[in-house]
């Protein structure tokens, strides 16, 4: 019976990791939304990262994710500005 209990713990811990991984995906979506908001406000990557770390602590996104999000959301802004500058719209 002790063997069964010892075997049960890793399964429970694996389930816990699976749940955290699933909720982590939701957190990534939420992180991107916050990054997009800060990009629209004109914050720098360092400001965004420091603000998110101060609030979210260990669950904050990595600095790389902030940089990638900034580049992604700024790309859309630059495309719109180029189209407007060309007089297409």
C-alpha atoms as a PDB file:
ATOM      1  CA  UNK A   1       0.000   0.000   0.000  1.00  0.00           C
ATOM      2  CA  UNK A   2       2.920   2.342   0.703  1.00  0.00           C
ATOM      3  CA  UNK A   3       4.098   1.769  -2.842  1.00  0.00           C
ATOM      4  CA  UNK A   4       0.713   2.839  -4.172  1.00  0.00           C
ATOM      5  CA  UNK A   5       0.779   6.068  -2.159  1.00  0.00           C
ATOM      6  CA  UNK A   6       4.358   6.821  -3.239  1.00  0.00           C
ATOM      7  CA  UNK A   7       3.338   6.272  -6.848  1.00  0.00           C
ATOM      8  CA  UNK A   8       0.255   8.458  -6.439  1.00  0.00           C
ATOM      9  CA  UNK A   9       2.196  11.611  -5.520  1.00  0.00           C
ATOM     10  CA  UNK A  10       4.054  11.965  -8.826  1.00  0.00           C
ATOM     11  CA  UNK A  11       0.778  11.574 -10.691  1.00  0.00           C
ATOM     12  CA  UNK A  12      -0.823  14.284  -8.564  1.00  0.00           C
ATOM     13  CA  UNK A  13       2.183  16.528  -9.072  1.00  0.00           C
ATOM     14  CA  UNK A  14       2.061  15.896 -12.834  1.00  0.00           C
ATOM     15  CA  UNK A  15      -1.590  16.916 -12.837  1.00  0.00           C
ATOM     16  CA  UNK A  16      -0.681  20.050 -10.920  1.00  0.00           C
ATOM     17  CA  UNK A  17       1.976  20.913 -13.499  1.00  0.00           C
ATOM     18  CA  UNK A  18      -0.510  20.341 -16.320  1.00  0.00           C
ATOM     19  CA  UNK A  19      -3.007  22.697 -14.687  1.00  0.00           C
ATOM     20  CA  UNK A  20      -0.319  25.342 -14.178  1.00  0.00           C
ATOM     21  CA  UNK A  21       0.783  24.997 -17.800  1.00  0.00           C
ATOM     22  CA  UNK A  22      -2.787  25.442 -18.963  1.00  0.00           C
ATOM     23  CA  UNK A  23      -3.304  28.518 -16.796  1.00  0.00           C
ATOM     24  CA  UNK A  24       0.097  29.780 -17.971  1.00  0.00           C
ATOM     25  CA  UNK A  25      -1.279  29.931 -21.519  1.00  0.00           C
ATOM     26  CA  UNK A  26      -4.094  32.130 -20.296  1.00  0.00           C
ATOM     27  CA  UNK A  27      -1.568  34.289 -18.493  1.00  0.00           C
ATOM     28  CA  UNK A  28       0.390  34.752 -21.717  1.00  0.00           C
ATOM     29  CA  UNK A  29      -2.715  36.115 -23.405  1.00  0.00           C
ATOM     30  CA  UNK A  30      -3.334  38.419 -20.469  1.00  0.00           C
ATOM     31  CA  UNK A  31       0.319  39.485 -20.434  1.00  0.00           C
ATOM     32  CA  UNK A  32       0.123  40.401 -24.113  1.00  0.00           C
ATOM     33  CA  UNK A  33      -2.990  42.479 -23.502  1.00  0.00           C
ATOM     34  CA  UNK A  34      -1.215  44.413 -20.748  1.00  0.00           C
ATOM     35  CA  UNK A  35       1.884  44.857 -22.921  1.00  0.00           C
ATOM     36  CA  UNK A  36      -0.298  46.154 -25.762  1.00  0.00           C
ATOM     37  CA  UNK A  37      -1.942  48.642 -23.405  1.00  0.00           C
ATOM     38  CA  UNK A  38       1.430  49.940 -22.195  1.00  0.00           C
ATOM     39  CA  UNK A  39       2.741  50.169 -25.772  1.00  0.00           C
ATOM     40  CA  UNK A  40      -0.272  52.330 -26.678  1.00  0.00           C
ATOM     41  CA  UNK A  41       0.588  54.550 -23.697  1.00  0.00           C
ATOM     42  CA  UNK A  42       4.130  54.958 -25.041  1.00  0.00           C
ATOM     43  CA  UNK A  43       5.987  53.163 -22.244  1.00  0.00           C
ATOM     44  CA  UNK A  44       9.478  51.804 -22.859  1.00  0.00           C
ATOM     45  CA  UNK A  45      10.216  48.066 -22.593  1.00  0.00           C
ATOM     46  CA  UNK A  46      12.105  48.650 -19.347  1.00  0.00           C
ATOM     47  CA  UNK A  47       9.148  50.572 -17.843  1.00  0.00           C
ATOM     48  CA  UNK A  48       6.686  47.890 -18.952  1.00  0.00           C
ATOM     49  CA  UNK A  49       8.819  45.067 -17.572  1.00  0.00           C
ATOM     50  CA  UNK A  50       9.511  46.776 -14.243  1.00  0.00           C
ATOM     51  CA  UNK A  51       5.842  47.657 -13.779  1.00  0.00           C
ATOM     52  CA  UNK A  52       4.698  44.109 -14.527  1.00  0.00           C
ATOM     53  CA  UNK A  53       7.333  42.583 -12.230  1.00  0.00           C
ATOM     54  CA  UNK A  54       6.367  44.925  -9.394  1.00  0.00           C
ATOM     55  CA  UNK A  55       2.732  43.870  -9.667  1.00  0.00           C
ATOM     56  CA  UNK A  56       2.886  40.258 -10.875  1.00  0.00           C
ATOM     57  CA  UNK A  57       6.188  39.264  -9.236  1.00  0.00           C
ATOM     58  CA  UNK A  58       7.063  35.664 -10.172  1.00  0.00           C
ATOM     59  CA  UNK A  59       4.227  35.338 -12.681  1.00  0.00           C
ATOM     60  CA  UNK A  60       5.402  38.356 -14.694  1.00  0.00           C
ATOM     61  CA  UNK A  61       6.441  37.711 -18.293  1.00  0.00           C
ATOM     62  CA  UNK A  62      10.110  37.591 -19.224  1.00  0.00           C
ATOM     63  CA  UNK A  63      11.865  40.692 -20.500  1.00  0.00           C
ATOM     64  CA  UNK A  64      12.147  38.941 -23.887  1.00  0.00           C
ATOM     65  CA  UNK A  65       8.366  38.544 -24.045  1.00  0.00           C
ATOM     66  CA  UNK A  66       7.974  42.268 -23.338  1.00  0.00           C
ATOM     67  CA  UNK A  67      10.475  43.138 -26.095  1.00  0.00           C
ATOM     68  CA  UNK A  68       8.765  40.786 -28.574  1.00  0.00           C
ATOM     69  CA  UNK A  69       5.346  42.174 -27.687  1.00  0.00           C
ATOM     70  CA  UNK A  70       6.587  45.720 -28.091  1.00  0.00           C
ATOM     71  CA  UNK A  71       8.027  44.933 -31.528  1.00  0.00           C
ATOM     72  CA  UNK A  72       4.827  43.153 -32.581  1.00  0.00           C
ATOM     73  CA  UNK A  73       2.450  45.900 -31.496  1.00  0.00           C
ATOM     74  CA  UNK A  74       4.687  48.709 -32.777  1.00  0.00           C
ATOM     75  CA  UNK A  75       4.831  46.981 -36.169  1.00  0.00           C
ATOM     76  CA  UNK A  76       1.080  47.557 -36.587  1.00  0.00           C
ATOM     77  CA  UNK A  77       1.464  51.230 -35.623  1.00  0.00           C
ATOM     78  CA  UNK A  78       4.297  51.732 -38.130  1.00  0.00           C
ATOM     79  CA  UNK A  79       2.281  50.081 -40.913  1.00  0.00           C
ATOM     80  CA  UNK A  80      -0.677  52.397 -40.319  1.00  0.00           C
ATOM     81  CA  UNK A  81       1.603  55.468 -40.262  1.00  0.00           C
ATOM     82  CA  UNK A  82       3.237  54.417 -43.557  1.00  0.00           C
ATOM     83  CA  UNK A  83      -0.139  53.925 -45.221  1.00  0.00           C
ATOM     84  CA  UNK A  84      -1.340  57.322 -44.001  1.00  0.00           C
ATOM     85  CA  UNK A  85       1.905  58.974 -45.144  1.00  0.00           C
ATOM     86  CA  UNK A  86       1.442  57.532 -48.627  1.00  0.00           C
ATOM     87  CA  UNK A  87      -2.005  59.092 -48.833  1.00  0.00           C
ATOM     88  CA  UNK A  88      -3.726  55.773 -49.500  1.00  0.00           C
ATOM     89  CA  UNK A  89      -6.390  56.394 -46.854  1.00  0.00           C
END
